Amino acid sequence: MYRVRFHLQSGRNYMKWQIRHGKNVMYVDPSENNLEMMGCKLINKLNKAKKVNAAGKKDVAGWVECERVMINNENPVDNLERVFYNPIKDVHWRRDSDNGEFAWDNTEYSTLITNNKQVYILEERT
């Protein structure tokens, strides 16, 4: 399984997508490439997210777990719904359509894509 998250630690990979597969780690610049992730689950370590929220300090509490990741030059996102996660502001994964009323933690998707720094639902899991 792959783990994909947006890397916010200072340094040369700041603000890049981090892709982990076992001990292998790579970084993708969102201004140059986008990701297509298949067989996905939105992971949230809720206790860690609550600590991040209370302290207002960045730490890894969530990511996208997926079976496959492809790097693309372009992913059109017209009419696609965004999913987002920022435990400093909210301890759960959210979707644009839910107005903060439902936690999307641990939900599964057939395909998620990135466009710049955002994640969108390309295909729901059926």
C-alpha atoms as a PDB file:
ATOM      1  CA  MET A   1       0.000   0.000   0.000  1.00  0.00           C
ATOM      2  CA  TYR A   2       1.018   3.579  -0.660  1.00  0.00           C
ATOM      3  CA  ARG A   3       0.610   6.510   1.719  1.00  0.00           C
ATOM      4  CA  VAL A   4       0.141   9.917   0.114  1.00  0.00           C
ATOM      5  CA  ARG A   5       0.060  13.208   1.987  1.00  0.00           C
ATOM      6  CA  PHE A   6       0.969  16.833   1.496  1.00  0.00           C
ATOM      7  CA  HIS A   7       4.396  17.452   3.025  1.00  0.00           C
ATOM      8  CA  LEU A   8       4.480  20.571   5.230  1.00  0.00           C
ATOM      9  CA  GLN A   9       7.801  20.136   7.023  1.00  0.00           C
ATOM     10  CA  SER A  10      10.267  22.862   6.108  1.00  0.00           C
ATOM     11  CA  GLY A  11      13.066  21.972   3.725  1.00  0.00           C
ATOM     12  CA  ARG A  12      13.500  21.232   0.038  1.00  0.00           C
ATOM     13  CA  ASN A  13      10.334  19.088  -0.150  1.00  0.00           C
ATOM     14  CA  TYR A  14       8.076  21.637   1.573  1.00  0.00           C
ATOM     15  CA  MET A  15       4.644  21.853  -0.076  1.00  0.00           C
ATOM     16  CA  LYS A  16       5.132  18.739  -2.225  1.00  0.00           C
ATOM     17  CA  TRP A  17       3.168  15.507  -2.352  1.00  0.00           C
ATOM     18  CA  GLN A  18       4.922  12.814  -0.352  1.00  0.00           C
ATOM     19  CA  ILE A  19       4.435   9.237  -1.590  1.00  0.00           C
ATOM     20  CA  ARG A  20       5.526   6.424   0.740  1.00  0.00           C
ATOM     21  CA  HIS A  21       5.669   2.776  -0.237  1.00  0.00           C
ATOM     22  CA  GLY A  22       7.310   0.709   2.478  1.00  0.00           C
ATOM     23  CA  LYS A  23      10.658   2.357   3.181  1.00  0.00           C
ATOM     24  CA  ASN A  24      10.707   4.150  -0.187  1.00  0.00           C
ATOM     25  CA  VAL A  25       9.745   7.831  -0.198  1.00  0.00           C
ATOM     26  CA  MET A  26       9.413  10.188  -3.141  1.00  0.00           C
ATOM     27  CA  TYR A  27       8.178  13.755  -3.533  1.00  0.00           C
ATOM     28  CA  VAL A  28       6.140  15.259  -6.359  1.00  0.00           C
ATOM     29  CA  ASP A  29       5.941  18.984  -7.010  1.00  0.00           C
ATOM     30  CA  PRO A  30       2.216  19.831  -7.358  1.00  0.00           C
ATOM     31  CA  SER A  31       2.970  22.736  -9.700  1.00  0.00           C
ATOM     32  CA  GLU A  32       4.536  20.301 -12.200  1.00  0.00           C
ATOM     33  CA  ASN A  33       2.636  17.015 -11.798  1.00  0.00           C
ATOM     34  CA  ASN A  34      -0.606  15.626 -10.447  1.00  0.00           C
ATOM     35  CA  LEU A  35      -1.398  12.252  -8.910  1.00  0.00           C
ATOM     36  CA  GLU A  36      -3.986   9.629  -9.732  1.00  0.00           C
ATOM     37  CA  MET A  37      -4.572   7.299  -6.776  1.00  0.00           C
ATOM     38  CA  MET A  38      -6.519   4.054  -7.128  1.00  0.00           C
ATOM     39  CA  GLY A  39      -8.090   1.911  -4.404  1.00  0.00           C
ATOM     40  CA  CYS A  40      -8.071   4.711  -1.822  1.00  0.00           C
ATOM     41  CA  LYS A  41      -8.997   5.176   1.814  1.00  0.00           C
ATOM     42  CA  LEU A  42      -8.927   8.464   3.743  1.00  0.00           C
ATOM     43  CA  ILE A  43      -6.924   7.740   6.896  1.00  0.00           C
ATOM     44  CA  ASN A  44      -7.267   9.852  10.035  1.00  0.00           C
ATOM     45  CA  LYS A  45      -5.585   9.186  13.365  1.00  0.00           C
ATOM     46  CA  LEU A  46      -8.256  10.998  15.374  1.00  0.00           C
ATOM     47  CA  ASN A  47      -6.444  11.218  18.733  1.00  0.00           C
ATOM     48  CA  LYS A  48      -3.385  12.677  16.986  1.00  0.00           C
ATOM     49  CA  ALA A  49      -5.622  15.066  15.004  1.00  0.00           C
ATOM     50  CA  LYS A  50      -7.216  16.289  18.242  1.00  0.00           C
ATOM     51  CA  LYS A  51      -3.758  17.006  19.703  1.00  0.00           C
ATOM     52  CA  VAL A  52      -2.775  18.899  16.532  1.00  0.00           C
ATOM     53  CA  ASN A  53      -6.022  20.873  16.695  1.00  0.00           C
ATOM     54  CA  ALA A  54      -5.589  21.759  20.381  1.00  0.00           C
ATOM     55  CA  ALA A  55      -1.942  22.808  19.964  1.00  0.00           C
ATOM     56  CA  GLY A  56      -2.388  24.512  16.581  1.00  0.00           C
ATOM     57  CA  LYS A  57       0.867  22.915  15.418  1.00  0.00           C
ATOM     58  CA  LYS A  58       1.471  20.806  12.303  1.00  0.00           C
ATOM     59  CA  ASP A  59       2.013  17.068  12.672  1.00  0.00           C
ATOM     60  CA  VAL A  60       1.116  14.034  10.572  1.00  0.00           C
ATOM     61  CA  ALA A  61      -2.331  12.795  11.542  1.00  0.00           C
ATOM     62  CA  GLY A  62      -3.896  11.831   8.191  1.00  0.00           C
ATOM     63  CA  TRP A  63      -3.141  10.665   4.669  1.00  0.00           C
ATOM     64  CA  VAL A  64      -4.579   8.845   1.658  1.00  0.00           C
ATOM     65  CA  GLU A  65      -3.826   5.141   1.652  1.00  0.00           C
ATOM     66  CA  CYS A  66      -4.009   3.631  -1.825  1.00  0.00           C
ATOM     67  CA  GLU A  67      -3.195   0.515  -3.826  1.00  0.00           C
ATOM     68  CA  ARG A  68      -1.634   2.367  -6.793  1.00  0.00           C
ATOM     69  CA  VAL A  69      -0.352   5.836  -7.615  1.00  0.00           C
ATOM     70  CA  MET A  70       0.318   7.263 -11.071  1.00  0.00           C
ATOM     71  CA  ILE A  71       2.011  10.589 -11.770  1.00  0.00           C
ATOM     72  CA  ASN A  72       0.343  12.662 -14.510  1.00  0.00           C
ATOM     73  CA  ASN A  73       0.973  16.022 -16.099  1.00  0.00           C
ATOM     74  CA  GLU A  74      -2.661  17.036 -16.018  1.00  0.00           C
ATOM     75  CA  ASN A  75      -5.856  15.994 -14.241  1.00  0.00           C
ATOM     76  CA  PRO A  76      -8.946  17.975 -15.243  1.00  0.00           C
ATOM     77  CA  VAL A  77     -11.144  18.572 -12.195  1.00  0.00           C
ATOM     78  CA  ASP A  78     -14.174  20.316 -13.696  1.00  0.00           C
ATOM     79  CA  ASN A  79     -17.301  19.287 -11.773  1.00  0.00           C
ATOM     80  CA  LEU A  80     -15.373  17.047  -9.362  1.00  0.00           C
ATOM     81  CA  GLU A  81     -15.869  17.241  -5.616  1.00  0.00           C
ATOM     82  CA  ARG A  82     -12.920  18.118  -3.411  1.00  0.00           C
ATOM     83  CA  VAL A  83     -11.966  16.247  -0.223  1.00  0.00           C
ATOM     84  CA  PHE A  84      -9.747  18.027   2.262  1.00  0.00           C
ATOM     85  CA  TYR A  85      -8.010  17.618   5.599  1.00  0.00           C
ATOM     86  CA  ASN A  86      -6.413  20.159   7.906  1.00  0.00           C
ATOM     87  CA  PRO A  87      -6.461  19.022  11.546  1.00  0.00           C
ATOM     88  CA  ILE A  88      -5.437  22.476  12.764  1.00  0.00           C
ATOM     89  CA  LYS A  89      -8.867  23.715  11.596  1.00  0.00           C
ATOM     90  CA  ASP A  90     -10.962  20.514  11.724  1.00  0.00           C
ATOM     91  CA  VAL A  91     -10.078  17.048  13.053  1.00  0.00           C
ATOM     92  CA  HIS A  92     -11.884  15.148  10.255  1.00  0.00           C
ATOM     93  CA  TRP A  93     -11.646  14.626   6.517  1.00  0.00           C
ATOM     94  CA  ARG A  94     -14.341  16.723   4.807  1.00  0.00           C
ATOM     95  CA  ARG A  95     -15.984  17.046   1.403  1.00  0.00           C
ATOM     96  CA  ASP A  96     -17.069  20.318  -0.174  1.00  0.00           C
ATOM     97  CA  SER A  97     -20.702  19.205  -0.293  1.00  0.00           C
ATOM     98  CA  ASP A  98     -21.168  18.309   3.385  1.00  0.00           C
ATOM     99  CA  ASN A  99     -20.801  21.747   5.034  1.00  0.00           C
ATOM    100  CA  GLY A 100     -18.835  20.133   7.869  1.00  0.00           C
ATOM    101  CA  GLU A 101     -21.742  17.928   8.920  1.00  0.00           C
ATOM    102  CA  PHE A 102     -20.198  14.505   8.259  1.00  0.00           C
ATOM    103  CA  ALA A 103     -16.788  13.007   8.977  1.00  0.00           C
ATOM    104  CA  TRP A 104     -15.381  11.247   5.898  1.00  0.00           C
ATOM    105  CA  ASP A 105     -12.605   9.509   7.838  1.00  0.00           C
ATOM    106  CA  ASN A 106     -11.901   5.950   6.620  1.00  0.00           C
ATOM    107  CA  THR A 107     -14.172   6.267   3.584  1.00  0.00           C
ATOM    108  CA  GLU A 108     -13.025   4.449   0.443  1.00  0.00           C
ATOM    109  CA  TYR A 109     -12.851   5.593  -3.181  1.00  0.00           C
ATOM    110  CA  SER A 110     -12.027   3.877  -6.441  1.00  0.00           C
ATOM    111  CA  THR A 111     -10.006   6.854  -7.697  1.00  0.00           C
ATOM    112  CA  LEU A 112      -8.843  10.152  -6.236  1.00  0.00           C
ATOM    113  CA  ILE A 113      -6.830  12.704  -8.181  1.00  0.00           C
ATOM    114  CA  THR A 114      -4.823  15.756  -7.257  1.00  0.00           C
ATOM    115  CA  ASN A 115      -4.737  19.089  -8.982  1.00  0.00           C
ATOM    116  CA  ASN A 116      -2.068  21.354  -7.567  1.00  0.00           C
ATOM    117  CA  LYS A 117      -2.472  21.100  -3.772  1.00  0.00           C
ATOM    118  CA  GLN A 118      -6.048  19.766  -3.756  1.00  0.00           C
ATOM    119  CA  VAL A 119      -7.552  16.244  -3.799  1.00  0.00           C
ATOM    120  CA  TYR A 120     -10.689  15.439  -5.819  1.00  0.00           C
ATOM    121  CA  ILE A 121     -12.984  12.425  -6.149  1.00  0.00           C
ATOM    122  CA  LEU A 122     -12.795  11.003  -9.646  1.00  0.00           C
ATOM    123  CA  GLU A 123     -14.702   7.798  -8.912  1.00  0.00           C
ATOM    124  CA  GLU A 124     -16.640   6.708  -5.836  1.00  0.00           C
ATOM    125  CA  ARG A 125     -16.235   3.120  -4.634  1.00  0.00           C
ATOM    126  CA  THR A 126     -19.297   1.037  -5.463  1.00  0.00           C
END
